[in-house]
C-alpha atoms as a PDB file:
ATOM      1  CA  MET A   1       0.022  -0.055   0.017  1.00  0.00           C
ATOM      2  CA  LYS A   2       1.336   3.434  -0.969  1.00  0.00           C
ATOM      3  CA  THR A   3      -0.282   5.622   1.789  1.00  0.00           C
ATOM      4  CA  ILE A   4       0.202   9.030   0.250  1.00  0.00           C
ATOM      5  CA  ARG A   5       0.795  10.370  -3.341  1.00  0.00           C
ATOM      6  CA  TRP A   6       0.852  13.500  -5.410  1.00  0.00           C
ATOM      7  CA  LYS A   7      -1.293  14.001  -8.544  1.00  0.00           C
ATOM      8  CA  ASP A   8      -1.294  17.371 -10.364  1.00  0.00           C
ATOM      9  CA  GLY A   9      -1.177  19.425  -7.154  1.00  0.00           C
ATOM     10  CA  VAL A  10      -3.631  17.302  -5.225  1.00  0.00           C
ATOM     11  CA  VAL A  11      -2.448  15.084  -2.203  1.00  0.00           C
ATOM     12  CA  ILE A  12      -4.101  11.784  -2.120  1.00  0.00           C
ATOM     13  CA  THR A  13      -4.003   9.781   1.145  1.00  0.00           C
ATOM     14  CA  VAL A  14      -5.856   7.285   3.309  1.00  0.00           C
ATOM     15  CA  ASP A  15      -8.346   8.659   5.901  1.00  0.00           C
ATOM     16  CA  GLN A  16      -7.019   6.563   8.842  1.00  0.00           C
ATOM     17  CA  THR A  17      -9.867   7.559  11.144  1.00  0.00           C
ATOM     18  CA  LEU A  18     -12.246   5.416   9.144  1.00  0.00           C
ATOM     19  CA  LEU A  19     -10.258   2.154   9.191  1.00  0.00           C
ATOM     20  CA  PRO A  20     -10.754  -0.713   9.563  1.00  0.00           C
ATOM     21  CA  HIS A  21     -14.414  -0.398   8.519  1.00  0.00           C
ATOM     22  CA  ARG A  22     -13.824   1.658   5.309  1.00  0.00           C
ATOM     23  CA  LEU A  23     -10.849   2.418   3.122  1.00  0.00           C
ATOM     24  CA  VAL A  24     -11.414   5.983   1.918  1.00  0.00           C
ATOM     25  CA  HIS A  25      -8.891   8.196   0.145  1.00  0.00           C
ATOM     26  CA  LEU A  26      -8.817  11.790   0.871  1.00  0.00           C
ATOM     27  CA  LYS A  27      -8.158  14.371  -1.856  1.00  0.00           C
ATOM     28  CA  LEU A  28      -6.528  17.342  -0.201  1.00  0.00           C
ATOM     29  CA  ARG A  29      -6.181  20.430  -2.432  1.00  0.00           C
ATOM     30  CA  THR A  30      -4.767  23.038  -0.027  1.00  0.00           C
ATOM     31  CA  PRO A  31      -2.135  23.142   2.723  1.00  0.00           C
ATOM     32  CA  ASN A  32      -4.968  24.061   5.107  1.00  0.00           C
ATOM     33  CA  GLN A  33      -6.680  20.894   4.290  1.00  0.00           C
ATOM     34  CA  ILE A  34      -3.496  18.915   4.824  1.00  0.00           C
ATOM     35  CA  ALA A  35      -2.977  20.638   8.199  1.00  0.00           C
ATOM     36  CA  LYS A  36      -6.528  19.908   9.262  1.00  0.00           C
ATOM     37  CA  ALA A  37      -6.110  16.185   8.249  1.00  0.00           C
ATOM     38  CA  ILE A  38      -2.867  16.009  10.348  1.00  0.00           C
ATOM     39  CA  LYS A  39      -4.486  17.620  13.344  1.00  0.00           C
ATOM     40  CA  ASN A  40      -7.541  15.284  13.223  1.00  0.00           C
ATOM     41  CA  MET A  41      -5.436  12.170  12.884  1.00  0.00           C
ATOM     42  CA  LYS A  42      -6.620  11.439   9.359  1.00  0.00           C
ATOM     43  CA  ILE A  43      -2.854  11.517   8.605  1.00  0.00           C
ATOM     44  CA  ARG A  44      -0.627  10.116  11.312  1.00  0.00           C
ATOM     45  CA  GLY A  45       2.638   8.270  11.816  1.00  0.00           C
ATOM     46  CA  ALA A  46       5.935  10.154  12.070  1.00  0.00           C
ATOM     47  CA  PRO A  47       7.336   9.396   8.594  1.00  0.00           C
ATOM     48  CA  LEU A  48       3.985   9.997   6.973  1.00  0.00           C
ATOM     49  CA  LEU A  49       3.704  13.335   8.750  1.00  0.00           C
ATOM     50  CA  GLY A  50       7.109  14.196   7.271  1.00  0.00           C
ATOM     51  CA  ALA A  51       5.878  13.293   3.780  1.00  0.00           C
ATOM     52  CA  ALA A  52       2.599  15.246   4.120  1.00  0.00           C
ATOM     53  CA  ALA A  53       4.541  18.299   5.397  1.00  0.00           C
ATOM     54  CA  ALA A  54       6.765  18.209   2.276  1.00  0.00           C
ATOM     55  CA  LEU A  55       3.688  17.838   0.015  1.00  0.00           C
ATOM     56  CA  ALA A  56       1.995  20.805   1.665  1.00  0.00           C
ATOM     57  CA  LEU A  57       5.043  22.941   0.722  1.00  0.00           C
ATOM     58  CA  ALA A  58       5.004  21.421  -2.790  1.00  0.00           C
ATOM     59  CA  GLN A  59       1.332  22.396  -3.037  1.00  0.00           C
ATOM     60  CA  THR A  60       2.150  25.909  -2.000  1.00  0.00           C
ATOM     61  CA  VAL A  61       4.677  26.201  -4.772  1.00  0.00           C
ATOM     62  CA  TYR A  62       2.412  24.569  -7.304  1.00  0.00           C
ATOM     63  CA  LYS A  63      -0.540  26.968  -6.596  1.00  0.00           C
ATOM     64  CA  SER A  64       1.483  30.048  -5.975  1.00  0.00           C
ATOM     65  CA  LYS A  65       0.815  33.155  -7.910  1.00  0.00           C
ATOM     66  CA  ALA A  66       3.961  34.816  -6.582  1.00  0.00           C
ATOM     67  CA  LYS A  67       5.702  37.162  -8.955  1.00  0.00           C
ATOM     68  CA  SER A  68       9.015  37.192  -7.242  1.00  0.00           C
ATOM     69  CA  ARG A  69      11.353  34.823  -5.461  1.00  0.00           C
ATOM     70  CA  ALA A  70      10.859  36.771  -2.243  1.00  0.00           C
ATOM     71  CA  SER A  71       7.026  36.431  -2.391  1.00  0.00           C
ATOM     72  CA  LEU A  72       7.319  32.709  -2.919  1.00  0.00           C
ATOM     73  CA  LEU A  73       9.566  32.267   0.011  1.00  0.00           C
ATOM     74  CA  LYS A  74       7.185  34.213   2.112  1.00  0.00           C
ATOM     75  CA  GLU A  75       4.313  31.945   1.115  1.00  0.00           C
ATOM     76  CA  LEU A  76       6.436  28.905   2.016  1.00  0.00           C
ATOM     77  CA  GLN A  77       7.314  30.308   5.375  1.00  0.00           C
ATOM     78  CA  LYS A  78       3.492  30.819   6.089  1.00  0.00           C
ATOM     79  CA  THR A  79       2.737  27.203   5.103  1.00  0.00           C
ATOM     80  CA  ALA A  80       5.745  26.093   7.255  1.00  0.00           C
ATOM     81  CA  VAL A  81       4.308  27.809  10.304  1.00  0.00           C
ATOM     82  CA  LEU A  82       0.859  26.271   9.682  1.00  0.00           C
ATOM     83  CA  ILE A  83       2.142  22.778   9.354  1.00  0.00           C
ATOM     84  CA  LYS A  84       4.489  23.081  12.334  1.00  0.00           C
ATOM     85  CA  THR A  85       1.524  23.948  14.676  1.00  0.00           C
ATOM     86  CA  THR A  86      -0.420  20.839  13.888  1.00  0.00           C
ATOM     87  CA  ARG A  87       1.492  18.252  16.077  1.00  0.00           C
ATOM     88  CA  PRO A  88       4.422  19.193  18.216  1.00  0.00           C
ATOM     89  CA  THR A  89       6.129  15.882  18.959  1.00  0.00           C
ATOM     90  CA  ALA A  90       6.821  13.944  15.770  1.00  0.00           C
ATOM     91  CA  VAL A  91      10.142  15.353  14.571  1.00  0.00           C
ATOM     92  CA  ASN A  92       9.895  14.105  10.969  1.00  0.00           C
ATOM     93  CA  LEU A  93       7.355  16.903  10.332  1.00  0.00           C
ATOM     94  CA  PHE A  94       9.768  19.549  11.517  1.00  0.00           C
ATOM     95  CA  ASN A  95      12.831  18.064   9.758  1.00  0.00           C
ATOM     96  CA  SER A  96      10.891  17.851   6.439  1.00  0.00           C
ATOM     97  CA  VAL A  97       9.697  21.385   6.617  1.00  0.00           C
ATOM     98  CA  ASP A  98      13.170  22.680   7.565  1.00  0.00           C
ATOM     99  CA  ALA A  99      14.800  20.692   4.779  1.00  0.00           C
ATOM    100  CA  VAL A 100      12.517  22.188   2.077  1.00  0.00           C
ATOM    101  CA  LEU A 101      12.815  25.703   3.348  1.00  0.00           C
ATOM    102  CA  LYS A 102      16.561  25.367   3.330  1.00  0.00           C
ATOM    103  CA  MET A 103      16.559  24.147  -0.318  1.00  0.00           C
ATOM    104  CA  ALA A 104      14.298  27.090  -1.189  1.00  0.00           C
ATOM    105  CA  GLU A 105      16.459  29.644   0.417  1.00  0.00           C
ATOM    106  CA  GLU A 106      19.855  28.265  -0.825  1.00  0.00           C
ATOM    107  CA  HIS A 107      19.143  27.212  -4.409  1.00  0.00           C
ATOM    108  CA  PRO A 108      20.194  30.005  -6.812  1.00  0.00           C
ATOM    109  CA  CYS A 109      17.873  30.130  -9.775  1.00  0.00           C
ATOM    110  CA  SER A 110      15.089  32.032 -11.409  1.00  0.00           C
ATOM    111  CA  LEU A 111      11.530  31.973  -9.936  1.00  0.00           C
ATOM    112  CA  LYS A 112      10.369  29.549 -12.713  1.00  0.00           C
ATOM    113  CA  GLU A 113      13.245  27.239 -12.136  1.00  0.00           C
ATOM    114  CA  LEU A 114      12.811  27.380  -8.348  1.00  0.00           C
ATOM    115  CA  ARG A 115       9.227  26.250  -8.730  1.00  0.00           C
ATOM    116  CA  ARG A 116      10.203  23.236 -10.653  1.00  0.00           C
ATOM    117  CA  TYR A 117      13.160  22.506  -8.460  1.00  0.00           C
ATOM    118  CA  LEU A 118      11.227  22.584  -5.185  1.00  0.00           C
ATOM    119  CA  ILE A 119       8.349  20.325  -6.415  1.00  0.00           C
ATOM    120  CA  LYS A 120      10.829  17.884  -7.712  1.00  0.00           C
ATOM    121  CA  LYS A 121      12.754  17.816  -4.415  1.00  0.00           C
ATOM    122  CA  CYS A 122       9.588  17.428  -2.400  1.00  0.00           C
ATOM    123  CA  LEU A 123       8.602  14.443  -4.470  1.00  0.00           C
ATOM    124  CA  GLU A 124      12.122  13.027  -4.126  1.00  0.00           C
ATOM    125  CA  LEU A 125      11.669  13.218  -0.307  1.00  0.00           C
ATOM    126  CA  ILE A 126       8.536  11.117  -0.611  1.00  0.00           C
ATOM    127  CA  ALA A 127      10.268   8.487  -2.787  1.00  0.00           C
ATOM    128  CA  GLU A 128      13.216   8.542  -0.428  1.00  0.00           C
ATOM    129  CA  ASP A 129      10.885   7.660   2.582  1.00  0.00           C
ATOM    130  CA  ALA A 130       9.785   4.499   0.803  1.00  0.00           C
ATOM    131  CA  LYS A 131      13.371   3.627  -0.072  1.00  0.00           C
ATOM    132  CA  VAL A 132      14.758   4.024   3.439  1.00  0.00           C
ATOM    133  CA  ASN A 133      11.918   2.112   5.074  1.00  0.00           C
ATOM    134  CA  ARG A 134      12.486  -0.779   2.727  1.00  0.00           C
ATOM    135  CA  ALA A 135      16.161  -0.852   3.624  1.00  0.00           C
ATOM    136  CA  LEU A 136      15.349  -0.441   7.323  1.00  0.00           C
ATOM    137  CA  SER A 137      12.971  -3.477   7.102  1.00  0.00           C
ATOM    138  CA  LEU A 138      15.454  -5.696   5.492  1.00  0.00           C
ATOM    139  CA  HIS A 139      18.074  -4.872   8.221  1.00  0.00           C
ATOM    140  CA  GLY A 140      15.608  -5.419  10.972  1.00  0.00           C
ATOM    141  CA  ALA A 141      14.478  -8.742   9.685  1.00  0.00           C
ATOM    142  CA  GLU A 142      17.949 -10.124  10.450  1.00  0.00           C
ATOM    143  CA  LEU A 143      17.075  -9.664  14.236  1.00  0.00           C
ATOM    144  CA  ILE A 144      14.046 -11.909  14.104  1.00  0.00           C
ATOM    145  CA  ASP A 145      14.506 -15.580  14.539  1.00  0.00           C
ATOM    146  CA  THR A 146      12.366 -18.339  12.989  1.00  0.00           C
ATOM    147  CA  GLY A 147       9.427 -18.985  15.252  1.00  0.00           C
ATOM    148  CA  ASP A 148       9.584 -15.735  17.176  1.00  0.00           C
ATOM    149  CA  THR A 149       6.544 -14.160  18.728  1.00  0.00           C
ATOM    150  CA  VAL A 150       7.021 -10.356  18.399  1.00  0.00           C
ATOM    151  CA  LEU A 151       5.023  -7.725  20.353  1.00  0.00           C
ATOM    152  CA  THR A 152       4.459  -4.348  18.707  1.00  0.00           C
ATOM    153  CA  HIS A 153       2.763  -1.310  20.033  1.00  0.00           C
ATOM    154  CA  CYS A 154       0.701   1.353  18.157  1.00  0.00           C
ATOM    155  CA  ASN A 155       0.934   1.407  14.296  1.00  0.00           C
ATOM    156  CA  ALA A 156       4.334   1.616  12.619  1.00  0.00           C
ATOM    157  CA  GLY A 157       3.313   0.001   9.329  1.00  0.00           C
ATOM    158  CA  GLU A 158       2.564   1.230   5.805  1.00  0.00           C
ATOM    159  CA  LEU A 159      -0.075   3.449   7.131  1.00  0.00           C
ATOM    160  CA  ALA A 160       2.435   5.353   9.284  1.00  0.00           C
ATOM    161  CA  THR A 161       4.783   5.881   6.336  1.00  0.00           C
ATOM    162  CA  VAL A 162       4.786   6.439   2.546  1.00  0.00           C
ATOM    163  CA  GLU A 163       5.335   2.699   1.951  1.00  0.00           C
ATOM    164  CA  TYR A 164       6.699  -0.463   3.680  1.00  0.00           C
ATOM    165  CA  GLY A 165       6.461   0.829   7.366  1.00  0.00           C
ATOM    166  CA  THR A 166       9.109   0.682  10.062  1.00  0.00           C
ATOM    167  CA  ALA A 167       8.440  -1.752  12.935  1.00  0.00           C
ATOM    168  CA  LEU A 168       5.813  -3.499  10.878  1.00  0.00           C
ATOM    169  CA  GLY A 169       7.989  -3.357   7.790  1.00  0.00           C
ATOM    170  CA  VAL A 170      10.540  -5.427   9.745  1.00  0.00           C
ATOM    171  CA  ILE A 171       7.888  -7.890  10.710  1.00  0.00           C
ATOM    172  CA  ALA A 172       6.640  -8.111   7.151  1.00  0.00           C
ATOM    173  CA  ALA A 173      10.149  -8.611   5.802  1.00  0.00           C
ATOM    174  CA  ALA A 174      10.747 -11.460   8.355  1.00  0.00           C
ATOM    175  CA  HIS A 175       7.454 -13.020   7.378  1.00  0.00           C
ATOM    176  CA  ARG A 176       8.338 -12.900   3.697  1.00  0.00           C
ATOM    177  CA  ARG A 177      11.486 -14.738   4.494  1.00  0.00           C
ATOM    178  CA  GLY A 178       9.466 -17.624   5.816  1.00  0.00           C
ATOM    179  CA  LYS A 179      10.489 -17.167   9.433  1.00  0.00           C
ATOM    180  CA  ASN A 180       7.125 -18.486  10.694  1.00  0.00           C
ATOM    181  CA  ILE A 181       6.686 -15.625  13.129  1.00  0.00           C
ATOM    182  CA  ARG A 182       3.686 -14.548  15.194  1.00  0.00           C
ATOM    183  CA  VAL A 183       2.753 -11.044  16.228  1.00  0.00           C
ATOM    184  CA  ILE A 184       1.129  -9.709  19.375  1.00  0.00           C
ATOM    185  CA  ALA A 185      -0.440  -6.302  18.762  1.00  0.00           C
ATOM    186  CA  THR A 186      -1.557  -4.002  21.579  1.00  0.00           C
ATOM    187  CA  GLU A 187      -4.840  -2.214  21.144  1.00  0.00           C
ATOM    188  CA  THR A 188      -3.116   1.077  21.971  1.00  0.00           C
ATOM    189  CA  ARG A 189      -5.612   3.215  23.853  1.00  0.00           C
ATOM    190  CA  PRO A 190      -7.029   5.793  23.657  1.00  0.00           C
ATOM    191  CA  LEU A 191      -7.328   5.914  19.841  1.00  0.00           C
ATOM    192  CA  LEU A 192      -6.764   2.200  19.227  1.00  0.00           C
ATOM    193  CA  GLN A 193      -4.213   2.459  16.550  1.00  0.00           C
ATOM    194  CA  GLY A 194      -3.148  -1.095  17.228  1.00  0.00           C
ATOM    195  CA  ALA A 195      -6.666  -2.517  17.099  1.00  0.00           C
ATOM    196  CA  ARG A 196      -7.847  -0.439  14.058  1.00  0.00           C
ATOM    197  CA  LEU A 197      -4.721  -0.082  12.005  1.00  0.00           C
ATOM    198  CA  THR A 198      -2.003  -2.638  12.926  1.00  0.00           C
ATOM    199  CA  ALA A 199      -4.518  -5.379  13.043  1.00  0.00           C
ATOM    200  CA  TYR A 200      -5.874  -4.200   9.624  1.00  0.00           C
ATOM    201  CA  GLU A 201      -2.384  -4.382   8.125  1.00  0.00           C
ATOM    202  CA  LEU A 202      -1.376  -7.685   9.601  1.00  0.00           C
ATOM    203  CA  LYS A 203      -4.620  -9.298   8.427  1.00  0.00           C
ATOM    204  CA  ARG A 204      -4.145  -7.883   4.887  1.00  0.00           C
ATOM    205  CA  LYS A 205      -0.656  -9.353   4.884  1.00  0.00           C
ATOM    206  CA  ARG A 206      -1.881 -12.617   6.299  1.00  0.00           C
ATOM    207  CA  ILE A 207       0.725 -12.594   9.095  1.00  0.00           C
ATOM    208  CA  PRO A 208      -0.461 -14.643  12.138  1.00  0.00           C
ATOM    209  CA  PHE A 209      -1.259 -12.361  15.051  1.00  0.00           C
ATOM    210  CA  ALA A 210      -3.349 -11.848  18.180  1.00  0.00           C
ATOM    211  CA  LEU A 211      -4.660  -8.545  19.505  1.00  0.00           C
ATOM    212  CA  ILE A 212      -4.490  -7.802  23.228  1.00  0.00           C
ATOM    213  CA  THR A 213      -5.396  -4.877  25.541  1.00  0.00           C
ATOM    214  CA  ASP A 214      -2.516  -2.684  26.668  1.00  0.00           C
ATOM    215  CA  ASN A 215      -2.623  -3.958  30.199  1.00  0.00           C
ATOM    216  CA  MET A 216      -2.006  -7.629  29.267  1.00  0.00           C
ATOM    217  CA  VAL A 217       1.583  -7.149  28.161  1.00  0.00           C
ATOM    218  CA  GLY A 218       3.207  -8.014  31.529  1.00  0.00           C
ATOM    219  CA  TYR A 219       1.103 -11.173  31.941  1.00  0.00           C
ATOM    220  CA  LEU A 220       2.176 -12.457  28.492  1.00  0.00           C
ATOM    221  CA  MET A 221       5.853 -11.696  29.088  1.00  0.00           C
ATOM    222  CA  ALA A 222       5.698 -13.552  32.535  1.00  0.00           C
ATOM    223  CA  GLN A 223       4.198 -16.501  30.667  1.00  0.00           C
ATOM    224  CA  GLY A 224       7.129 -16.678  28.273  1.00  0.00           C
ATOM    225  CA  ILE A 225       4.998 -15.946  25.247  1.00  0.00           C
ATOM    226  CA  ILE A 226       6.834 -12.919  23.898  1.00  0.00           C
ATOM    227  CA  ASP A 227      10.354 -13.222  22.452  1.00  0.00           C
ATOM    228  CA  LYS A 228      10.995  -9.725  21.192  1.00  0.00           C
ATOM    229  CA  VAL A 229       9.492  -6.244  21.247  1.00  0.00           C
ATOM    230  CA  LEU A 230       9.624  -4.132  18.119  1.00  0.00           C
ATOM    231  CA  VAL A 231       8.206  -0.462  18.009  1.00  0.00           C
ATOM    232  CA  GLY A 232       8.591   2.593  15.934  1.00  0.00           C
ATOM    233  CA  ALA A 233       9.408   6.084  17.073  1.00  0.00           C
ATOM    234  CA  ASP A 234       8.183   9.637  16.687  1.00  0.00           C
ATOM    235  CA  ARG A 235      11.384  11.227  17.837  1.00  0.00           C
ATOM    236  CA  ILE A 236      14.800   9.926  18.820  1.00  0.00           C
ATOM    237  CA  LEU A 237      17.221  12.233  20.678  1.00  0.00           C
ATOM    238  CA  MET A 238      20.958  12.322  20.290  1.00  0.00           C
ATOM    239  CA  SER A 239      21.058  10.996  23.984  1.00  0.00           C
ATOM    240  CA  GLY A 240      19.271   7.897  22.735  1.00  0.00           C
ATOM    241  CA  HIS A 241      15.906   8.714  24.452  1.00  0.00           C
ATOM    242  CA  VAL A 242      12.995   7.439  22.369  1.00  0.00           C
ATOM    243  CA  ILE A 243       9.746   9.336  22.221  1.00  0.00           C
ATOM    244  CA  ASN A 244       6.995   7.105  20.969  1.00  0.00           C
ATOM    245  CA  LYS A 245       3.225   6.377  21.439  1.00  0.00           C
ATOM    246  CA  ILE A 246       2.150   6.503  25.095  1.00  0.00           C
ATOM    247  CA  GLY A 247       2.626   3.111  26.652  1.00  0.00           C
ATOM    248  CA  THR A 248       5.988   2.404  24.954  1.00  0.00           C
ATOM    249  CA  TYR A 249       7.967   3.202  28.173  1.00  0.00           C
ATOM    250  CA  THR A 250       5.784   0.862  30.157  1.00  0.00           C
ATOM    251  CA  ILE A 251       6.405  -1.927  27.693  1.00  0.00           C
ATOM    252  CA  ALA A 252      10.158  -1.211  27.657  1.00  0.00           C
ATOM    253  CA  VAL A 253      10.383  -1.525  31.482  1.00  0.00           C
ATOM    254  CA  LEU A 254       8.479  -4.798  31.472  1.00  0.00           C
ATOM    255  CA  ALA A 255      10.720  -6.122  28.643  1.00  0.00           C
ATOM    256  CA  LYS A 256      13.907  -5.283  30.674  1.00  0.00           C
ATOM    257  CA  GLU A 257      12.396  -7.001  33.720  1.00  0.00           C
ATOM    258  CA  HIS A 258      11.723 -10.182  31.742  1.00  0.00           C
ATOM    259  CA  GLY A 259      15.006 -10.141  29.748  1.00  0.00           C
ATOM    260  CA  ILE A 260      13.242  -9.542  26.369  1.00  0.00           C
ATOM    261  CA  PRO A 261      15.062  -7.591  23.606  1.00  0.00           C
ATOM    262  CA  PHE A 262      13.417  -4.260  22.981  1.00  0.00           C
ATOM    263  CA  TYR A 263      14.059  -2.859  19.440  1.00  0.00           C
ATOM    264  CA  VAL A 264      13.191   0.541  17.971  1.00  0.00           C
ATOM    265  CA  ALA A 265      12.785   0.806  14.183  1.00  0.00           C
ATOM    266  CA  ALA A 266      12.973   4.308  12.656  1.00  0.00           C
ATOM    267  CA  PRO A 267      14.549   6.041   9.726  1.00  0.00           C
ATOM    268  CA  THR A 268      17.349   8.652  10.452  1.00  0.00           C
ATOM    269  CA  THR A 269      14.804  11.403   9.649  1.00  0.00           C
ATOM    270  CA  THR A 270      13.324  10.622  13.111  1.00  0.00           C
ATOM    271  CA  ILE A 271      16.459  11.635  14.816  1.00  0.00           C
ATOM    272  CA  ASP A 272      16.332  15.095  16.583  1.00  0.00           C
ATOM    273  CA  SER A 273      19.827  16.464  16.647  1.00  0.00           C
ATOM    274  CA  GLU A 274      18.974  19.755  18.501  1.00  0.00           C
ATOM    275  CA  ASN A 275      16.734  19.167  21.467  1.00  0.00           C
ATOM    276  CA  SER A 276      17.331  17.661  24.849  1.00  0.00           C
ATOM    277  CA  VAL A 277      14.832  15.567  26.806  1.00  0.00           C
ATOM    278  CA  GLU A 278      13.710  18.615  28.791  1.00  0.00           C
ATOM    279  CA  GLU A 279      13.054  20.621  25.572  1.00  0.00           C
ATOM    280  CA  VAL A 280      10.768  18.053  23.942  1.00  0.00           C
ATOM    281  CA  VAL A 281       7.099  19.001  23.845  1.00  0.00           C
ATOM    282  CA  ILE A 282       4.807  16.066  24.558  1.00  0.00           C
ATOM    283  CA  GLU A 283       1.507  16.620  22.828  1.00  0.00           C
ATOM    284  CA  GLU A 284      -1.515  16.585  25.195  1.00  0.00           C
ATOM    285  CA  ARG A 285      -4.583  15.673  23.269  1.00  0.00           C
ATOM    286  CA  ASN A 286      -8.421  16.206  23.749  1.00  0.00           C
ATOM    287  CA  PRO A 287      -9.614  14.660  26.987  1.00  0.00           C
ATOM    288  CA  LYS A 288     -12.546  13.298  25.048  1.00  0.00           C
ATOM    289  CA  GLU A 289     -10.217  10.594  23.596  1.00  0.00           C
ATOM    290  CA  VAL A 290      -9.900   9.118  27.032  1.00  0.00           C
ATOM    291  CA  LEU A 291     -13.516   9.805  28.268  1.00  0.00           C
ATOM    292  CA  GLU A 292     -15.209   8.424  25.144  1.00  0.00           C
ATOM    293  CA  LEU A 293     -14.909   5.277  23.079  1.00  0.00           C
ATOM    294  CA  GLY A 294     -16.455   5.379  19.561  1.00  0.00           C
ATOM    295  CA  GLY A 295     -18.335   8.514  20.436  1.00  0.00           C
ATOM    296  CA  LEU A 296     -19.894   6.864  23.559  1.00  0.00           C
ATOM    297  CA  ARG A 297     -18.965   8.374  26.910  1.00  0.00           C
ATOM    298  CA  ILE A 298     -17.404   5.667  29.200  1.00  0.00           C
ATOM    299  CA  ALA A 299     -16.719   7.726  32.264  1.00  0.00           C
ATOM    300  CA  PRO A 300     -18.687   9.992  34.620  1.00  0.00           C
ATOM    301  CA  LYS A 301     -19.099  13.613  33.663  1.00  0.00           C
ATOM    302  CA  GLY A 302     -17.170  16.315  35.447  1.00  0.00           C
ATOM    303  CA  ILE A 303     -13.967  14.375  36.022  1.00  0.00           C
ATOM    304  CA  LYS A 304     -10.366  15.230  35.103  1.00  0.00           C
ATOM    305  CA  THR A 305      -8.026  13.175  32.915  1.00  0.00           C
ATOM    306  CA  PHE A 306      -4.601  13.152  31.423  1.00  0.00           C
ATOM    307  CA  ASN A 307      -4.083  12.430  27.728  1.00  0.00           C
ATOM    308  CA  PRO A 308      -0.447  12.688  26.714  1.00  0.00           C
ATOM    309  CA  ALA A 309       0.008  11.187  23.212  1.00  0.00           C
ATOM    310  CA  PHE A 310       3.659  10.108  23.780  1.00  0.00           C
ATOM    311  CA  ASP A 311       6.104   9.049  26.454  1.00  0.00           C
ATOM    312  CA  ILE A 312       9.892   8.950  26.698  1.00  0.00           C
ATOM    313  CA  THR A 313      11.887   5.693  26.900  1.00  0.00           C
ATOM    314  CA  PRO A 314      15.415   6.019  28.215  1.00  0.00           C
ATOM    315  CA  PRO A 315      18.267   4.456  26.204  1.00  0.00           C
ATOM    316  CA  HIS A 316      19.261   1.852  28.749  1.00  0.00           C
ATOM    317  CA  LEU A 317      15.946   0.103  28.011  1.00  0.00           C
ATOM    318  CA  VAL A 318      16.527   0.011  24.214  1.00  0.00           C
ATOM    319  CA  SER A 319      18.485  -3.074  22.946  1.00  0.00           C
ATOM    320  CA  ALA A 320      19.185  -1.539  19.551  1.00  0.00           C
ATOM    321  CA  LEU A 321      18.007   0.969  16.971  1.00  0.00           C
ATOM    322  CA  ILE A 322      17.064  -0.275  13.491  1.00  0.00           C
ATOM    323  CA  THR A 323      17.628   2.203  10.693  1.00  0.00           C
ATOM    324  CA  GLU A 324      18.130   2.257   6.898  1.00  0.00           C
ATOM    325  CA  LYS A 325      21.852   2.410   7.597  1.00  0.00           C
ATOM    326  CA  GLY A 326      21.857  -0.699   9.717  1.00  0.00           C
ATOM    327  CA  VAL A 327      21.381  -1.735  13.350  1.00  0.00           C
ATOM    328  CA  ILE A 328      23.254   0.258  16.042  1.00  0.00           C
ATOM    329  CA  GLU A 329      23.681   0.540  19.751  1.00  0.00           C
ATOM    330  CA  VAL A 330      21.580   3.360  21.233  1.00  0.00           C
ATOM    331  CA  LYS A 331      24.583   5.541  22.366  1.00  0.00           C
ATOM    332  CA  PRO A 332      25.233   9.230  21.572  1.00  0.00           C
ATOM    333  CA  PRO A 333      28.482   8.533  19.579  1.00  0.00           C
ATOM    334  CA  LYS A 334      26.808   5.796  17.445  1.00  0.00           C
ATOM    335  CA  ILE A 335      23.757   8.067  16.786  1.00  0.00           C
ATOM    336  CA  ARG A 336      26.029  10.975  15.860  1.00  0.00           C
ATOM    337  CA  ALA A 337      28.037   8.853  13.480  1.00  0.00           C
ATOM    338  CA  LEU A 338      24.751   7.528  11.965  1.00  0.00           C
ATOM    339  CA  LEU A 339      23.440  10.969  11.496  1.00  0.00           C
ATOM    340  CA  ASP A 340      26.587  12.165   9.874  1.00  0.00           C
ATOM    341  CA  ALA A 341      26.662   9.198   7.482  1.00  0.00           C
ATOM    342  CA  SER A 342      23.053   9.915   6.548  1.00  0.00           C
ATOM    343  CA  ASP A 343      23.740  13.646   5.791  1.00  0.00           C
ATOM    344  CA  GLY A 344      26.321  12.517   3.297  1.00  0.00           C
ATOM    345  CA  ARG A 345      24.141   9.782   1.593  1.00  0.00           C
END
C-alpha cells in the first residue's frame, strides 16, 4: 500500500480515522486541508507526517501566484508555520519542513526554475521515505528468529509511512522470508491504532497475530509468550531517548524486567539533533479521547483526565536502533556517526 501520493497538485492519502471499516482516500487540495487532516489524525505516523509536510510545501509552490522569489519564500514560510503547529512531537514533520525551506533559500535560480526544483525535491523526499523504510525493514528482519513471537505497540506500518512501514516493515520482511513468526499487537488506547490499523495491516498481509489490551503485556511476558518487542518512534534524541506512542515506556520497562530484547525501528529522519529531553514538547490531546470510546462516553461527567500522546523511553531500556543504515547501539557517539553518514548519503 502506498499511503500518500501526489497528482497534479492534489495530495491523495488514506483517511486513517475510518479504518478498519472503510478504506477511503482523501483528496487534499490546499495546505490548510493537509494541516487539518494531520491535526484530526486522518494523517498520522511520524514518517507520513514528514511526507505530508513536504507535500503541503510542494502544493504551496504549485498553486502560488507569486511574481518574485521573495514572495514565494514568504508563502512557503507561512505554510511552514501552519504545518508546524499541527502536532508538536513527531520530529519528521519539522525536519521535512526545515529541509524544504533550506533548499528554497539556498538554491540560486530564477523563480520559474525554483518552482520546478522545489516540487521535484519534495517528491524526491517522498520517494526517499519508501526507499529508506524498505532498507530498514531488511536490516531489522535479521534480528528476528524463526518461530519468534514479536510484540508491537501502536501502528508503525505502511499506514504510518509512505510505504513499507518501520516496525511492521521489519515484521513483514521477516514473514516474507518464511521465518514463521507470530505477532502480538496491543490495542493502543485511547485511539486504538493497534486494534484499528495494525490489526488491519497484519490481516491484509496474512501474518499470524493476536490482539491484546494494553494492560495484558506484563502477563504475556511472564508466561514466556513474547520473544522480542519491536516498536517505531516519533522522535529519537541524540542522547538515545526514544519518544513514541504513550505506553511504550511501560512496555520497555517490562521487557527489561523479563529479559526480552526491545528494538526501535525508525529512519534517520526521526532523529532530533537539536533538542534535549527537557526541551521536547509532549503533545497533550483532547480529554474526550480518554473519556469516550467510539463517540460513547465511558466515564462519569465532570472528572479530570490526562491524555499525553507520547512518552519517553530512556536509552538503557533499548536493545538496539534499526535504521536504513543498519542496526546500532543506542549511544550518543553511534547516533552522531549514523546521522553524519545519513547527511552524506
